[in-house]
Amino acid sequence: MSDRYAVLGNPVAHSRSPDIHAAFARQTGQDIEYGRLLCPLDGFEAAVREFAAGGGRGCNVTLPFKFEVPRLAARCSDRARLAGAANTLRFDAAGWFADNTDGIGLVRDIEHGAGVPLAGRRVLLVGAGGAGAGVLGPLLAARPAEVVVANRTLDKAHALVSRHVSWAREHGVRLAASALERPGDAFDVVVNASASSLQGLSSPVPPEVLGAGALAVDLMYGAAAAPFLAWARAAGATARDGLGMLVEQAAESFHIWRGVRPLTAPVLLALCASLAAAP
């Protein structure tokens, strides 16, 4: 019988994770079954425990449950502890293990997928919610010169920055919080981790944030990311959606579960082709 995994969330029908992990399994010769599990908004923990009791070996977790994951685990990775949220669970016999692969997925996509090294760059992270919390630690570990966290509610940006001050200092990175209206100018990399794309908005920050030759990344993909990508291109930036990050974070989860690391480039190419051919 195949080892069972799934992505849990609400909503979850749109998730491309089953396609990605099926491709990883074929590539690496791993015998797994990966599905989608819609969880009631007030029943996430019960759904996870039922899946594990039914033979599940691990799961990914998407919105809106990532902040609930760490408390269910006997052990958390440093990444999950720093973020205060997790998107990956492995059901070990000795106790569940939680990790957050979002940030390392983003960093790998920026540095390898887009070919933009982060070391020494100025980075603007837009959004201090769950998505921003998940990626900030690995962004800092890539040793940019500066990271500014901009958020509509300034207190929330300050809280996220405060949690990462020691980590930023350890990696020699200047870290600051800002309001959306005046985050600064001419950043090398702008990452949109806010909910603006889900609201159909082009950008929550002014175009002056984009430096010459900047890379602008939206963590969303498909139609939701289109307005932000168009805004970035109109301002002269290189625009990139979240598909690469999605594949890279999935590869990290796959490695946590199976102990093998799949190649991501062919899976991303196939996923892009599949989405382009969709009506």
C-alpha atoms as a PDB file:
ATOM      1  CA  MET A   1       0.000   0.000   0.000  1.00  0.00           C
ATOM      2  CA  SER A   2       1.283   3.462  -0.868  1.00  0.00           C
ATOM      3  CA  ASP A   3       2.284   5.829   1.926  1.00  0.00           C
ATOM      4  CA  ARG A   4      -0.402   8.483   2.313  1.00  0.00           C
ATOM      5  CA  TYR A   5       0.101  12.256   2.417  1.00  0.00           C
ATOM      6  CA  ALA A   6      -2.251  15.193   1.849  1.00  0.00           C
ATOM      7  CA  VAL A   7      -2.632  18.943   1.861  1.00  0.00           C
ATOM      8  CA  LEU A   8      -5.074  20.249   4.464  1.00  0.00           C
ATOM      9  CA  GLY A   9      -6.764  23.627   4.260  1.00  0.00           C
ATOM     10  CA  ASN A  10      -9.931  25.599   3.648  1.00  0.00           C
ATOM     11  CA  PRO A  11     -10.307  26.135   0.730  1.00  0.00           C
ATOM     12  CA  VAL A  12      -8.127  23.412  -0.759  1.00  0.00           C
ATOM     13  CA  ALA A  13      -9.691  22.327  -4.069  1.00  0.00           C
ATOM     14  CA  HIS A  14      -7.444  24.743  -5.992  1.00  0.00           C
ATOM     15  CA  SER A  15      -4.201  23.302  -4.581  1.00  0.00           C
ATOM     16  CA  ARG A  16      -1.644  22.045  -7.104  1.00  0.00           C
ATOM     17  CA  SER A  17       0.274  20.172  -4.405  1.00  0.00           C
ATOM     18  CA  PRO A  18      -1.066  16.731  -5.441  1.00  0.00           C
ATOM     19  CA  ASP A  19       0.232  17.265  -8.998  1.00  0.00           C
ATOM     20  CA  ILE A  20       3.620  18.451  -7.734  1.00  0.00           C
ATOM     21  CA  HIS A  21       4.137  15.583  -5.296  1.00  0.00           C
ATOM     22  CA  ALA A  22       2.954  13.010  -7.833  1.00  0.00           C
ATOM     23  CA  ALA A  23       5.642  14.334 -10.197  1.00  0.00           C
ATOM     24  CA  PHE A  24       8.256  14.156  -7.430  1.00  0.00           C
ATOM     25  CA  ALA A  25       7.240  10.567  -6.642  1.00  0.00           C
ATOM     26  CA  ARG A  26       7.563   9.470 -10.286  1.00  0.00           C
ATOM     27  CA  GLN A  27      10.931  11.175 -10.576  1.00  0.00           C
ATOM     28  CA  THR A  28      12.403   9.632  -7.410  1.00  0.00           C
ATOM     29  CA  GLY A  29      10.673   6.235  -7.453  1.00  0.00           C
ATOM     30  CA  GLN A  30       8.848   6.863  -4.185  1.00  0.00           C
ATOM     31  CA  ASP A  31       5.572   5.015  -3.611  1.00  0.00           C
ATOM     32  CA  ILE A  32       3.218   7.657  -2.230  1.00  0.00           C
ATOM     33  CA  GLU A  33      -0.400   8.735  -2.523  1.00  0.00           C
ATOM     34  CA  TYR A  34      -1.099  12.459  -2.055  1.00  0.00           C
ATOM     35  CA  GLY A  35      -4.562  14.020  -1.830  1.00  0.00           C
ATOM     36  CA  ARG A  36      -6.514  17.058  -0.709  1.00  0.00           C
ATOM     37  CA  LEU A  37      -8.425  17.273   2.567  1.00  0.00           C
ATOM     38  CA  LEU A  38     -10.896  20.098   3.193  1.00  0.00           C
ATOM     39  CA  CYS A  39     -10.966  20.909   6.910  1.00  0.00           C
ATOM     40  CA  PRO A  40     -13.825  22.634   8.739  1.00  0.00           C
ATOM     41  CA  LEU A  41     -12.719  26.067   9.908  1.00  0.00           C
ATOM     42  CA  ASP A  42     -13.320  24.969  13.506  1.00  0.00           C
ATOM     43  CA  GLY A  43     -12.105  21.394  13.059  1.00  0.00           C
ATOM     44  CA  PHE A  44      -8.514  21.439  11.852  1.00  0.00           C
ATOM     45  CA  GLU A  45      -6.960  19.526  14.753  1.00  0.00           C
ATOM     46  CA  ALA A  46      -9.598  16.791  14.602  1.00  0.00           C
ATOM     47  CA  ALA A  47      -9.072  16.452  10.838  1.00  0.00           C
ATOM     48  CA  VAL A  48      -5.289  16.123  11.213  1.00  0.00           C
ATOM     49  CA  ARG A  49      -5.565  13.541  13.960  1.00  0.00           C
ATOM     50  CA  GLU A  50      -8.098  11.516  11.979  1.00  0.00           C
ATOM     51  CA  PHE A  51      -5.841  11.546   8.919  1.00  0.00           C
ATOM     52  CA  ALA A  52      -2.830  10.424  10.974  1.00  0.00           C
ATOM     53  CA  ALA A  53      -4.850   7.721  12.756  1.00  0.00           C
ATOM     54  CA  GLY A  54      -6.023   6.455   9.367  1.00  0.00           C
ATOM     55  CA  GLY A  55      -2.481   5.748   8.248  1.00  0.00           C
ATOM     56  CA  GLY A  56      -1.311   9.133   6.991  1.00  0.00           C
ATOM     57  CA  ARG A  57       2.453   9.608   7.114  1.00  0.00           C
ATOM     58  CA  GLY A  58       2.514  13.395   6.911  1.00  0.00           C
ATOM     59  CA  CYS A  59       0.779  16.438   5.499  1.00  0.00           C
ATOM     60  CA  ASN A  60       1.110  19.944   4.193  1.00  0.00           C
ATOM     61  CA  VAL A  61      -1.031  22.656   5.746  1.00  0.00           C
ATOM     62  CA  THR A  62      -2.290  25.741   3.948  1.00  0.00           C
ATOM     63  CA  LEU A  63      -4.523  28.683   4.845  1.00  0.00           C
ATOM     64  CA  PRO A  64      -5.894  29.403   7.345  1.00  0.00           C
ATOM     65  CA  PHE A  65      -4.384  26.789   9.671  1.00  0.00           C
ATOM     66  CA  LYS A  66      -0.594  27.303   9.626  1.00  0.00           C
ATOM     67  CA  PHE A  67      -0.519  29.024  13.023  1.00  0.00           C
ATOM     68  CA  GLU A  68      -2.286  26.017  14.592  1.00  0.00           C
ATOM     69  CA  VAL A  69       0.336  23.490  13.500  1.00  0.00           C
ATOM     70  CA  PRO A  70       3.270  24.050  15.932  1.00  0.00           C
ATOM     71  CA  ARG A  71       1.232  23.334  19.064  1.00  0.00           C
ATOM     72  CA  LEU A  72       0.277  19.910  17.682  1.00  0.00           C
ATOM     73  CA  ALA A  73       3.878  18.792  17.251  1.00  0.00           C
ATOM     74  CA  ALA A  74       6.237  17.234  19.778  1.00  0.00           C
ATOM     75  CA  ARG A  75       9.157  18.836  17.913  1.00  0.00           C
ATOM     76  CA  CYS A  76       9.417  21.953  15.767  1.00  0.00           C
ATOM     77  CA  SER A  77      12.229  23.042  13.488  1.00  0.00           C
ATOM     78  CA  ASP A  78      14.005  26.320  14.163  1.00  0.00           C
ATOM     79  CA  ARG A  79      12.232  27.717  11.090  1.00  0.00           C
ATOM     80  CA  ALA A  80       8.804  26.858  12.462  1.00  0.00           C
ATOM     81  CA  ARG A  81       9.598  28.243  15.917  1.00  0.00           C
ATOM     82  CA  LEU A  82      10.853  31.519  14.482  1.00  0.00           C
ATOM     83  CA  ALA A  83       7.843  31.906  12.199  1.00  0.00           C
ATOM     84  CA  GLY A  84       5.355  30.800  14.844  1.00  0.00           C
ATOM     85  CA  ALA A  85       3.695  28.808  12.064  1.00  0.00           C
ATOM     86  CA  ALA A  86       4.282  25.626  10.077  1.00  0.00           C
ATOM     87  CA  ASN A  87       3.125  24.159   6.772  1.00  0.00           C
ATOM     88  CA  THR A  88       4.584  20.645   7.077  1.00  0.00           C
ATOM     89  CA  LEU A  89       3.905  17.825   9.527  1.00  0.00           C
ATOM     90  CA  ARG A  90       5.634  14.437   9.649  1.00  0.00           C
ATOM     91  CA  PHE A  91       3.858  11.833  11.771  1.00  0.00           C
ATOM     92  CA  ASP A  92       6.776  10.151  13.540  1.00  0.00           C
ATOM     93  CA  ALA A  93       6.056   7.318  15.977  1.00  0.00           C
ATOM     94  CA  ALA A  94       7.994   9.155  18.677  1.00  0.00           C
ATOM     95  CA  GLY A  95       5.993  12.355  18.146  1.00  0.00           C
ATOM     96  CA  TRP A  96       4.974  14.623  15.306  1.00  0.00           C
ATOM     97  CA  PHE A  97       7.552  16.937  13.717  1.00  0.00           C
ATOM     98  CA  ALA A  98       6.576  20.380  12.346  1.00  0.00           C
ATOM     99  CA  ASP A  99       8.520  22.530   9.909  1.00  0.00           C
ATOM    100  CA  ASN A 100       7.970  25.614   7.770  1.00  0.00           C
ATOM    101  CA  THR A 101       9.275  25.228   4.225  1.00  0.00           C
ATOM    102  CA  ASP A 102       7.767  28.404   2.755  1.00  0.00           C
ATOM    103  CA  GLY A 103      10.741  30.675   3.376  1.00  0.00           C
ATOM    104  CA  ILE A 104      13.416  28.333   2.095  1.00  0.00           C
ATOM    105  CA  GLY A 105      11.202  27.691  -0.927  1.00  0.00           C
ATOM    106  CA  LEU A 106      11.060  31.420  -1.639  1.00  0.00           C
ATOM    107  CA  VAL A 107      14.804  31.902  -1.190  1.00  0.00           C
ATOM    108  CA  ARG A 108      15.641  28.989  -3.493  1.00  0.00           C
ATOM    109  CA  ASP A 109      13.253  30.268  -6.147  1.00  0.00           C
ATOM    110  CA  ILE A 110      14.702  33.788  -6.010  1.00  0.00           C
ATOM    111  CA  GLU A 111      18.328  32.665  -6.014  1.00  0.00           C
ATOM    112  CA  HIS A 112      18.140  29.650  -8.332  1.00  0.00           C
ATOM    113  CA  GLY A 113      14.882  30.041 -10.235  1.00  0.00           C
ATOM    114  CA  ALA A 114      15.193  33.777 -10.888  1.00  0.00           C
ATOM    115  CA  GLY A 115      18.982  33.825 -10.640  1.00  0.00           C
ATOM    116  CA  VAL A 116      19.083  36.729  -8.176  1.00  0.00           C
ATOM    117  CA  PRO A 117      21.490  36.297  -5.233  1.00  0.00           C
ATOM    118  CA  LEU A 118      20.109  37.896  -2.080  1.00  0.00           C
ATOM    119  CA  ALA A 119      23.411  38.524  -0.304  1.00  0.00           C
ATOM    120  CA  GLY A 120      24.069  42.239  -0.001  1.00  0.00           C
ATOM    121  CA  ARG A 121      20.726  43.253  -1.565  1.00  0.00           C
ATOM    122  CA  ARG A 122      18.003  45.516  -0.184  1.00  0.00           C
ATOM    123  CA  VAL A 123      14.748  43.611   0.257  1.00  0.00           C
ATOM    124  CA  LEU A 124      11.226  44.897   0.896  1.00  0.00           C
ATOM    125  CA  LEU A 125       8.818  42.358   2.403  1.00  0.00           C
ATOM    126  CA  VAL A 126       5.221  43.553   2.037  1.00  0.00           C
ATOM    127  CA  GLY A 127       2.921  41.960   4.597  1.00  0.00           C
ATOM    128  CA  ALA A 128       3.410  40.869   8.202  1.00  0.00           C
ATOM    129  CA  GLY A 129       0.766  38.133   8.395  1.00  0.00           C
ATOM    130  CA  GLY A 130       1.225  34.399   8.171  1.00  0.00           C
ATOM    131  CA  ALA A 131       2.893  34.458   4.751  1.00  0.00           C
ATOM    132  CA  GLY A 132       5.338  37.177   5.770  1.00  0.00           C
ATOM    133  CA  ALA A 133       6.128  35.424   9.050  1.00  0.00           C
ATOM    134  CA  GLY A 134       6.863  32.203   7.193  1.00  0.00           C
ATOM    135  CA  VAL A 135       9.432  33.703   4.823  1.00  0.00           C
ATOM    136  CA  LEU A 136      11.215  36.355   6.893  1.00  0.00           C
ATOM    137  CA  GLY A 137      13.627  34.056   8.756  1.00  0.00           C
ATOM    138  CA  PRO A 138      15.052  32.356   5.637  1.00  0.00           C
ATOM    139  CA  LEU A 139      15.231  35.713   3.843  1.00  0.00           C
ATOM    140  CA  LEU A 140      17.410  37.029   6.668  1.00  0.00           C
ATOM    141  CA  ALA A 141      19.544  33.875   6.622  1.00  0.00           C
ATOM    142  CA  ALA A 142      20.389  34.639   2.974  1.00  0.00           C
ATOM    143  CA  ARG A 143      22.253  37.710   4.309  1.00  0.00           C
ATOM    144  CA  PRO A 144      20.818  40.625   2.374  1.00  0.00           C
ATOM    145  CA  ALA A 145      22.113  44.023   3.439  1.00  0.00           C
ATOM    146  CA  GLU A 146      18.674  45.162   4.610  1.00  0.00           C
ATOM    147  CA  VAL A 147      15.116  43.912   4.962  1.00  0.00           C
ATOM    148  CA  VAL A 148      12.209  46.293   5.525  1.00  0.00           C
ATOM    149  CA  VAL A 149       8.858  44.793   6.565  1.00  0.00           C
ATOM    150  CA  ALA A 150       5.963  47.008   5.439  1.00  0.00           C
ATOM    151  CA  ASN A 151       2.424  46.394   6.626  1.00  0.00           C
ATOM    152  CA  ARG A 152      -0.903  48.207   6.683  1.00  0.00           C
ATOM    153  CA  THR A 153      -0.975  47.871  10.480  1.00  0.00           C
ATOM    154  CA  LEU A 154       2.404  49.191  11.586  1.00  0.00           C
ATOM    155  CA  ASP A 155       2.210  47.549  15.023  1.00  0.00           C
ATOM    156  CA  LYS A 156       1.980  44.144  13.346  1.00  0.00           C
ATOM    157  CA  ALA A 157       5.115  44.877  11.304  1.00  0.00           C
ATOM    158  CA  HIS A 158       6.951  45.949  14.458  1.00  0.00           C
ATOM    159  CA  ALA A 159       5.879  42.747  16.231  1.00  0.00           C
ATOM    160  CA  LEU A 160       7.219  40.563  13.408  1.00  0.00           C
ATOM    161  CA  VAL A 161      10.470  42.524  13.271  1.00  0.00           C
ATOM    162  CA  SER A 162      10.878  42.314  17.046  1.00  0.00           C
ATOM    163  CA  ARG A 163      10.618  38.513  16.908  1.00  0.00           C
ATOM    164  CA  HIS A 164      13.420  38.400  14.314  1.00  0.00           C
ATOM    165  CA  VAL A 165      15.813  41.039  15.697  1.00  0.00           C
ATOM    166  CA  SER A 166      18.317  38.575  17.135  1.00  0.00           C
ATOM    167  CA  TRP A 167      18.212  36.408  14.021  1.00  0.00           C
ATOM    168  CA  ALA A 168      18.835  39.458  11.822  1.00  0.00           C
ATOM    169  CA  ARG A 169      21.736  40.587  14.003  1.00  0.00           C
ATOM    170  CA  GLU A 170      23.252  37.106  13.875  1.00  0.00           C
ATOM    171  CA  HIS A 171      23.266  37.274  10.063  1.00  0.00           C
ATOM    172  CA  GLY A 172      24.431  40.886   9.822  1.00  0.00           C
ATOM    173  CA  VAL A 173      21.203  42.227   8.330  1.00  0.00           C
ATOM    174  CA  ARG A 174      19.586  45.603   9.006  1.00  0.00           C
ATOM    175  CA  LEU A 175      15.928  44.959   9.825  1.00  0.00           C
ATOM    176  CA  ALA A 176      13.197  47.575  10.128  1.00  0.00           C
ATOM    177  CA  ALA A 177       9.407  47.989  10.072  1.00  0.00           C
ATOM    178  CA  SER A 178       7.497  50.503   7.980  1.00  0.00           C
ATOM    179  CA  ALA A 179       4.031  51.628   6.997  1.00  0.00           C
ATOM    180  CA  LEU A 180       2.907  50.751   3.472  1.00  0.00           C
ATOM    181  CA  GLU A 181       2.846  54.367   2.306  1.00  0.00           C
ATOM    182  CA  ARG A 182       6.552  55.150   2.868  1.00  0.00           C
ATOM    183  CA  PRO A 183       8.634  51.955   3.027  1.00  0.00           C
ATOM    184  CA  GLY A 184      11.600  53.472   1.175  1.00  0.00           C
ATOM    185  CA  ASP A 185      12.837  53.636  -2.405  1.00  0.00           C
ATOM    186  CA  ALA A 186      14.877  51.599  -4.879  1.00  0.00           C
ATOM    187  CA  PHE A 187      14.817  48.114  -3.356  1.00  0.00           C
ATOM    188  CA  ASP A 188      16.543  45.306  -5.262  1.00  0.00           C
ATOM    189  CA  VAL A 189      13.892  42.719  -4.391  1.00  0.00           C
ATOM    190  CA  VAL A 190      10.238  43.324  -3.469  1.00  0.00           C
ATOM    191  CA  VAL A 191       8.224  40.396  -2.107  1.00  0.00           C
ATOM    192  CA  ASN A 192       4.456  40.760  -1.883  1.00  0.00           C
ATOM    193  CA  ALA A 193       3.297  38.554   0.986  1.00  0.00           C
ATOM    194  CA  SER A 194       0.196  40.639   1.697  1.00  0.00           C
ATOM    195  CA  ALA A 195      -3.444  39.818   0.958  1.00  0.00           C
ATOM    196  CA  SER A 196      -3.635  42.498  -1.748  1.00  0.00           C
ATOM    197  CA  SER A 197      -3.601  39.994  -4.614  1.00  0.00           C
ATOM    198  CA  LEU A 198      -6.523  38.087  -3.105  1.00  0.00           C
ATOM    199  CA  GLN A 199      -8.397  41.412  -3.054  1.00  0.00           C
ATOM    200  CA  GLY A 200      -7.704  42.074  -6.726  1.00  0.00           C
ATOM    201  CA  LEU A 201      -5.361  45.009  -6.039  1.00  0.00           C
ATOM    202  CA  SER A 202      -2.301  45.714  -8.176  1.00  0.00           C
ATOM    203  CA  SER A 203       0.069  46.748  -5.383  1.00  0.00           C
ATOM    204  CA  PRO A 204      -0.172  47.964  -1.796  1.00  0.00           C
ATOM    205  CA  VAL A 205       3.087  49.958  -2.133  1.00  0.00           C
ATOM    206  CA  PRO A 206       4.126  52.822  -4.456  1.00  0.00           C
ATOM    207  CA  PRO A 207       6.219  52.088  -7.585  1.00  0.00           C
ATOM    208  CA  GLU A 208       9.165  54.019  -6.129  1.00  0.00           C
ATOM    209  CA  VAL A 209      10.006  50.925  -4.061  1.00  0.00           C
ATOM    210  CA  LEU A 210      11.304  49.273  -7.235  1.00  0.00           C
ATOM    211  CA  GLY A 211      14.923  49.995  -8.006  1.00  0.00           C
ATOM    212  CA  ALA A 212      16.486  49.739 -11.446  1.00  0.00           C
ATOM    213  CA  GLY A 213      16.389  46.103 -12.535  1.00  0.00           C
ATOM    214  CA  ALA A 214      14.465  45.075  -9.418  1.00  0.00           C
ATOM    215  CA  LEU A 215      12.861  41.671  -8.980  1.00  0.00           C
ATOM    216  CA  ALA A 216       9.228  41.780  -7.824  1.00  0.00           C
ATOM    217  CA  VAL A 217       7.770  38.512  -6.497  1.00  0.00           C
ATOM    218  CA  ASP A 218       4.153  37.827  -5.587  1.00  0.00           C
ATOM    219  CA  LEU A 219       3.609  34.784  -3.390  1.00  0.00           C
ATOM    220  CA  MET A 220       0.329  34.146  -5.213  1.00  0.00           C
ATOM    221  CA  TYR A 221       0.132  32.676  -8.716  1.00  0.00           C
ATOM    222  CA  GLY A 222      -2.342  32.482 -11.578  1.00  0.00           C
ATOM    223  CA  ALA A 223      -5.065  35.087 -11.959  1.00  0.00           C
ATOM    224  CA  ALA A 224      -4.619  36.360  -8.401  1.00  0.00           C
ATOM    225  CA  ALA A 225      -1.027  37.444  -9.088  1.00  0.00           C
ATOM    226  CA  ALA A 226      -1.716  39.034 -12.484  1.00  0.00           C
ATOM    227  CA  PRO A 227      -2.419  42.612 -11.286  1.00  0.00           C
ATOM    228  CA  PHE A 228       0.777  42.764  -9.196  1.00  0.00           C
ATOM    229  CA  LEU A 229       2.875  41.306 -12.004  1.00  0.00           C
ATOM    230  CA  ALA A 230       1.458  43.826 -14.478  1.00  0.00           C
ATOM    231  CA  TRP A 231       2.170  46.673 -12.038  1.00  0.00           C
ATOM    232  CA  ALA A 232       5.762  45.503 -11.590  1.00  0.00           C
ATOM    233  CA  ARG A 233       6.402  45.167 -15.325  1.00  0.00           C
ATOM    234  CA  ALA A 234       4.914  48.592 -16.001  1.00  0.00           C
ATOM    235  CA  ALA A 235       7.429  50.028 -13.524  1.00  0.00           C
ATOM    236  CA  GLY A 236      10.333  48.308 -15.317  1.00  0.00           C
ATOM    237  CA  ALA A 237      10.862  45.452 -12.857  1.00  0.00           C
ATOM    238  CA  THR A 238      11.258  41.740 -13.517  1.00  0.00           C
ATOM    239  CA  ALA A 239       8.039  40.130 -12.301  1.00  0.00           C
ATOM    240  CA  ARG A 240       7.717  36.603 -10.887  1.00  0.00           C
ATOM    241  CA  ASP A 241       4.731  34.813  -9.378  1.00  0.00           C
ATOM    242  CA  GLY A 242       4.679  32.243  -6.599  1.00  0.00           C
ATOM    243  CA  LEU A 243       4.732  29.059  -8.682  1.00  0.00           C
ATOM    244  CA  GLY A 244       8.459  28.590  -8.271  1.00  0.00           C
ATOM    245  CA  MET A 245       8.211  29.043  -4.526  1.00  0.00           C
ATOM    246  CA  LEU A 246       5.304  26.569  -4.453  1.00  0.00           C
ATOM    247  CA  VAL A 247       7.402  23.888  -6.148  1.00  0.00           C
ATOM    248  CA  GLU A 248      10.509  24.609  -4.067  1.00  0.00           C
ATOM    249  CA  GLN A 249       8.696  24.501  -0.721  1.00  0.00           C
ATOM    250  CA  ALA A 250       7.028  21.263  -1.805  1.00  0.00           C
ATOM    251  CA  ALA A 251      10.430  19.772  -2.611  1.00  0.00           C
ATOM    252  CA  GLU A 252      11.629  20.650   0.889  1.00  0.00           C
ATOM    253  CA  SER A 253       8.554  18.974   2.404  1.00  0.00           C
ATOM    254  CA  PHE A 254       9.135  15.912   0.214  1.00  0.00           C
ATOM    255  CA  HIS A 255      12.714  15.702   1.492  1.00  0.00           C
ATOM    256  CA  ILE A 256      11.523  15.964   5.113  1.00  0.00           C
ATOM    257  CA  TRP A 257       9.116  13.079   4.570  1.00  0.00           C
ATOM    258  CA  ARG A 258      11.075  10.796   2.244  1.00  0.00           C
ATOM    259  CA  GLY A 259      14.745  11.680   2.753  1.00  0.00           C
ATOM    260  CA  VAL A 260      15.318  12.329  -0.966  1.00  0.00           C
ATOM    261  CA  ARG A 261      15.449  15.685  -2.750  1.00  0.00           C
ATOM    262  CA  PRO A 262      13.669  15.860  -6.121  1.00  0.00           C
ATOM    263  CA  LEU A 263      14.679  18.073  -9.030  1.00  0.00           C
ATOM    264  CA  THR A 264      12.392  21.096  -9.151  1.00  0.00           C
ATOM    265  CA  ALA A 265      13.083  22.688 -12.563  1.00  0.00           C
ATOM    266  CA  PRO A 266      11.305  20.053 -14.718  1.00  0.00           C
ATOM    267  CA  VAL A 267       8.325  19.984 -12.350  1.00  0.00           C
ATOM    268  CA  LEU A 268       7.990  23.780 -12.491  1.00  0.00           C
ATOM    269  CA  LEU A 269       8.170  23.746 -16.302  1.00  0.00           C
ATOM    270  CA  ALA A 270       5.429  21.100 -16.491  1.00  0.00           C
ATOM    271  CA  LEU A 271       3.259  22.997 -14.010  1.00  0.00           C
ATOM    272  CA  CYS A 272       3.622  26.266 -15.949  1.00  0.00           C
ATOM    273  CA  ALA A 273       2.685  24.462 -19.181  1.00  0.00           C
ATOM    274  CA  SER A 274      -0.333  22.870 -17.512  1.00  0.00           C
ATOM    275  CA  LEU A 275      -1.596  26.206 -16.215  1.00  0.00           C
ATOM    276  CA  ALA A 276      -1.004  27.916 -19.547  1.00  0.00           C
ATOM    277  CA  ALA A 277      -3.058  25.242 -21.345  1.00  0.00           C
ATOM    278  CA  ALA A 278      -5.943  25.450 -18.854  1.00  0.00           C
ATOM    279  CA  PRO A 279      -9.106  27.182 -20.163  1.00  0.00           C
END
